[in-house]
PDB file of N, CA and C in Angstrom:
ATOM      1  N   THR A   1      80.219 109.206 112.339  1.00  0.00           N
ATOM      2  CA  THR A   1      80.026 110.088 111.205  1.00  0.00           C
ATOM      3  C   THR A   1      81.269 110.061 110.323  1.00  0.00           C
ATOM      4  N   VAL A   2      81.166 110.643 109.175  1.00  0.00           N
ATOM      5  CA  VAL A   2      82.291 110.677 108.238  1.00  0.00           C
ATOM      6  C   VAL A   2      83.468 111.435 108.850  1.00  0.00           C
ATOM      7  N   LEU A   3      83.189 112.544 109.492  1.00  0.00           N
ATOM      8  CA  LEU A   3      84.259 113.339 110.095  1.00  0.00           C
ATOM      9  C   LEU A   3      84.963 112.563 111.213  1.00  0.00           C
ATOM     10  N   GLU A   4      84.207 111.825 112.002  1.00  0.00           N
ATOM     11  CA  GLU A   4      84.816 111.002 113.052  1.00  0.00           C
ATOM     12  C   GLU A   4      85.745 109.958 112.451  1.00  0.00           C
ATOM     13  N   ARG A   5      85.318 109.322 111.379  1.00  0.00           N
ATOM     14  CA  ARG A   5      86.171 108.328 110.712  1.00  0.00           C
ATOM     15  C   ARG A   5      87.446 108.963 110.194  1.00  0.00           C
ATOM     16  N   LEU A   6      87.332 110.152 109.642  1.00  0.00           N
ATOM     17  CA  LEU A   6      88.487 110.842 109.083  1.00  0.00           C
ATOM     18  C   LEU A   6      89.491 111.219 110.167  1.00  0.00           C
ATOM     19  N   LEU A   7      88.996 111.605 111.330  1.00  0.00           N
ATOM     20  CA  LEU A   7      89.872 112.116 112.378  1.00  0.00           C
ATOM     21  C   LEU A   7      90.226 111.105 113.465  1.00  0.00           C
ATOM     22  N   GLU A   8      89.755 109.860 113.378  1.00  0.00           N
ATOM     23  CA  GLU A   8      89.982 108.927 114.473  1.00  0.00           C
ATOM     24  C   GLU A   8      91.461 108.619 114.692  1.00  0.00           C
ATOM     25  N   ASN A   9      92.252 108.427 113.656  1.00  0.00           N
ATOM     26  CA  ASN A   9      93.685 108.178 113.835  1.00  0.00           C
ATOM     27  C   ASN A   9      94.391 109.408 114.373  1.00  0.00           C
ATOM     28  N   ILE A  10      93.993 110.566 113.907  1.00  0.00           N
ATOM     29  CA  ILE A  10      94.598 111.813 114.379  1.00  0.00           C
ATOM     30  C   ILE A  10      94.329 111.971 115.876  1.00  0.00           C
ATOM     31  N   SER A  11      93.122 111.716 116.305  1.00  0.00           N
ATOM     32  CA  SER A  11      92.777 111.835 117.721  1.00  0.00           C
ATOM     33  C   SER A  11      93.550 110.835 118.566  1.00  0.00           C
ATOM     34  N   PHE A  12      93.695 109.627 118.075  1.00  0.00           N
ATOM     35  CA  PHE A  12      94.393 108.577 118.805  1.00  0.00           C
ATOM     36  C   PHE A  12      95.873 108.900 118.968  1.00  0.00           C
ATOM     37  N   GLU A  13      96.486 109.487 117.936  1.00  0.00           N
ATOM     38  CA  GLU A  13      97.919 109.773 117.944  1.00  0.00           C
ATOM     39  C   GLU A  13      98.241 111.219 118.336  1.00  0.00           C
ATOM     40  N   ALA A  14      97.289 111.958 118.839  1.00  0.00           N
ATOM     41  CA  ALA A  14      97.469 113.388 119.103  1.00  0.00           C
ATOM     42  C   ALA A  14      98.611 113.673 120.069  1.00  0.00           C
ATOM     43  N   THR A  15      98.743 112.888 121.119  1.00  0.00           N
ATOM     44  CA  THR A  15      99.814 113.160 122.083  1.00  0.00           C
ATOM     45  C   THR A  15     101.193 112.923 121.482  1.00  0.00           C
ATOM     46  N   ASP A  16     101.302 111.997 120.535  1.00  0.00           N
ATOM     47  CA  ASP A  16     102.587 111.723 119.882  1.00  0.00           C
ATOM     48  C   ASP A  16     102.947 112.801 118.870  1.00  0.00           C
ATOM     49  N   ARG A  17     101.976 113.563 118.413  1.00  0.00           N
ATOM     50  CA  ARG A  17     102.201 114.564 117.368  1.00  0.00           C
ATOM     51  C   ARG A  17     102.224 115.985 117.927  1.00  0.00           C
ATOM     52  N   SER A  18     102.389 116.119 119.207  1.00  0.00           N
ATOM     53  CA  SER A  18     102.371 117.432 119.848  1.00  0.00           C
ATOM     54  C   SER A  18     103.373 118.377 119.199  1.00  0.00           C
ATOM     55  N   GLY A  19     102.892 119.548 118.806  1.00  0.00           N
ATOM     56  CA  GLY A  19     103.746 120.558 118.197  1.00  0.00           C
ATOM     57  C   GLY A  19     103.921 120.421 116.702  1.00  0.00           C
ATOM     58  N   SER A  20     103.387 119.371 116.112  1.00  0.00           N
ATOM     59  CA  SER A  20     103.517 119.196 114.665  1.00  0.00           C
ATOM     60  C   SER A  20     102.244 119.657 113.961  1.00  0.00           C
ATOM     61  N   THR A  21     102.358 119.845 112.669  1.00  0.00           N
ATOM     62  CA  THR A  21     101.234 120.293 111.861  1.00  0.00           C
ATOM     63  C   THR A  21     100.805 119.167 110.935  1.00  0.00           C
ATOM     64  N   LEU A  22      99.524 118.989 110.794  1.00  0.00           N
ATOM     65  CA  LEU A  22      98.983 117.978 109.894  1.00  0.00           C
ATOM     66  C   LEU A  22      98.082 118.667 108.887  1.00  0.00           C
ATOM     67  N   VAL A  23      98.343 118.422 107.622  1.00  0.00           N
ATOM     68  CA  VAL A  23      97.530 119.000 106.557  1.00  0.00           C
ATOM     69  C   VAL A  23      96.560 117.929 106.076  1.00  0.00           C
ATOM     70  N   ILE A  24      95.275 118.256 106.119  1.00  0.00           N
ATOM     71  CA  ILE A  24      94.256 117.339 105.615  1.00  0.00           C
ATOM     72  C   ILE A  24      93.820 117.865 104.262  1.00  0.00           C
ATOM     73  N   ASP A  25      94.289 117.191 103.221  1.00  0.00           N
ATOM     74  CA  ASP A  25      93.963 117.591 101.861  1.00  0.00           C
ATOM     75  C   ASP A  25      93.198 116.461 101.177  1.00  0.00           C
ATOM     76  N   ALA A  26      92.925 116.626  99.917  1.00  0.00           N
ATOM     77  CA  ALA A  26      92.141 115.634  99.172  1.00  0.00           C
ATOM     78  C   ALA A  26      92.810 114.264  99.183  1.00  0.00           C
ATOM     79  N   ASP A  27      94.133 114.232  99.074  1.00  0.00           N
ATOM     80  CA  ASP A  27      94.846 112.951  99.093  1.00  0.00           C
ATOM     81  C   ASP A  27      94.690 112.245 100.438  1.00  0.00           C
ATOM     82  N   TYR A  28      94.776 112.999 101.527  1.00  0.00           N
ATOM     83  CA  TYR A  28      94.603 112.437 102.868  1.00  0.00           C
ATOM     84  C   TYR A  28      93.193 111.853 103.013  1.00  0.00           C
ATOM     85  N   VAL A  29      92.208 112.602 102.578  1.00  0.00           N
ATOM     86  CA  VAL A  29      90.820 112.143 102.671  1.00  0.00           C
ATOM     87  C   VAL A  29      90.620 110.892 101.825  1.00  0.00           C
ATOM     88  N   ASP A  30      91.124 110.893 100.604  1.00  0.00           N
ATOM     89  CA  ASP A  30      91.001 109.714  99.745  1.00  0.00           C
ATOM     90  C   ASP A  30      91.646 108.492 100.385  1.00  0.00           C
ATOM     91  N   GLU A  31      92.817 108.679 100.957  1.00  0.00           N
ATOM     92  CA  GLU A  31      93.551 107.569 101.566  1.00  0.00           C
ATOM     93  C   GLU A  31      92.818 106.990 102.772  1.00  0.00           C
ATOM     94  N   HIS A  32      92.235 107.843 103.603  1.00  0.00           N
ATOM     95  CA  HIS A  32      91.623 107.383 104.843  1.00  0.00           C
ATOM     96  C   HIS A  32      90.144 107.024 104.725  1.00  0.00           C
ATOM     97  N   LEU A  33      89.475 107.485 103.681  1.00  0.00           N
ATOM     98  CA  LEU A  33      88.047 107.189 103.545  1.00  0.00           C
ATOM     99  C   LEU A  33      87.723 106.350 102.312  1.00  0.00           C
ATOM    100  N   ASP A  34      88.736 105.803 101.682  1.00  0.00           N
ATOM    101  CA  ASP A  34      88.526 105.039 100.457  1.00  0.00           C
ATOM    102  C   ASP A  34      87.543 103.885 100.660  1.00  0.00           C
ATOM    103  N   ALA A  35      87.735 103.104 101.711  1.00  0.00           N
ATOM    104  CA  ALA A  35      86.844 101.969 101.968  1.00  0.00           C
ATOM    105  C   ALA A  35      85.430 102.439 102.288  1.00  0.00           C
ATOM    106  N   LEU A  36      85.320 103.534 103.009  1.00  0.00           N
ATOM    107  CA  LEU A  36      84.009 104.079 103.366  1.00  0.00           C
ATOM    108  C   LEU A  36      83.244 104.532 102.134  1.00  0.00           C
ATOM    109  N   VAL A  37      83.929 105.178 101.226  1.00  0.00           N
ATOM    110  CA  VAL A  37      83.285 105.698 100.021  1.00  0.00           C
ATOM    111  C   VAL A  37      82.784 104.558  99.137  1.00  0.00           C
ATOM    112  N   LYS A  38      83.483 103.440  99.149  1.00  0.00           N
ATOM    113  CA  LYS A  38      83.081 102.291  98.336  1.00  0.00           C
ATOM    114  C   LYS A  38      81.865 101.571  98.911  1.00  0.00           C
ATOM    115  N   ASP A  39      81.576 101.799 100.202  1.00  0.00           N
ATOM    116  CA  ASP A  39      80.422 101.189 100.857  1.00  0.00           C
ATOM    117  C   ASP A  39      79.154 101.888 100.369  1.00  0.00           C
ATOM    118  N   GLU A  40      78.240 101.128  99.819  1.00  0.00           N
ATOM    119  CA  GLU A  40      77.031 101.723  99.254  1.00  0.00           C
ATOM    120  C   GLU A  40      76.043 102.182 100.317  1.00  0.00           C
ATOM    121  N   ASP A  41      76.110 101.614 101.529  1.00  0.00           N
ATOM    122  CA  ASP A  41      75.189 102.005 102.597  1.00  0.00           C
ATOM    123  C   ASP A  41      75.861 103.034 103.499  1.00  0.00           C
ATOM    124  N   LEU A  42      75.842 104.288 103.082  1.00  0.00           N
ATOM    125  CA  LEU A  42      76.471 105.360 103.843  1.00  0.00           C
ATOM    126  C   LEU A  42      75.555 105.911 104.934  1.00  0.00           C
ATOM    127  N   SER A  43      74.341 105.407 105.041  1.00  0.00           N
ATOM    128  CA  SER A  43      73.374 105.951 105.995  1.00  0.00           C
ATOM    129  C   SER A  43      73.852 105.842 107.437  1.00  0.00           C
ATOM    130  N   ARG A  44      74.663 104.859 107.755  1.00  0.00           N
ATOM    131  CA  ARG A  44      75.129 104.714 109.138  1.00  0.00           C
ATOM    132  C   ARG A  44      76.156 105.776 109.528  1.00  0.00           C
ATOM    133  N   TYR A  45      76.671 106.514 108.561  1.00  0.00           N
ATOM    134  CA  TYR A  45      77.647 107.562 108.841  1.00  0.00           C
ATOM    135  C   TYR A  45      77.034 108.960 108.825  1.00  0.00           C
ATOM    136  N   ILE A  46      75.756 109.045 108.587  1.00  0.00           N
ATOM    137  CA  ILE A  46      75.076 110.337 108.498  1.00  0.00           C
ATOM    138  C   ILE A  46      74.202 110.512 109.732  1.00  0.00           C
ATOM    139  N   LEU A  47      74.340 111.646 110.392  1.00  0.00           N
ATOM    140  CA  LEU A  47      73.517 111.910 111.585  1.00  0.00           C
ATOM    141  C   LEU A  47      72.117 112.296 111.199  1.00  0.00           C
TER     142      LEU A  47
END
């Protein structure tokens, strides 16, 4: 899903970021989902 794609790096690096804060804002979303948004077939990311 879209949310899984957005959070996959965060989940993978979670143990390294223990105690830190991560802000997910529009810039973060644009940076991490840019390729996904350009894909015209978004149906595979929708449950």
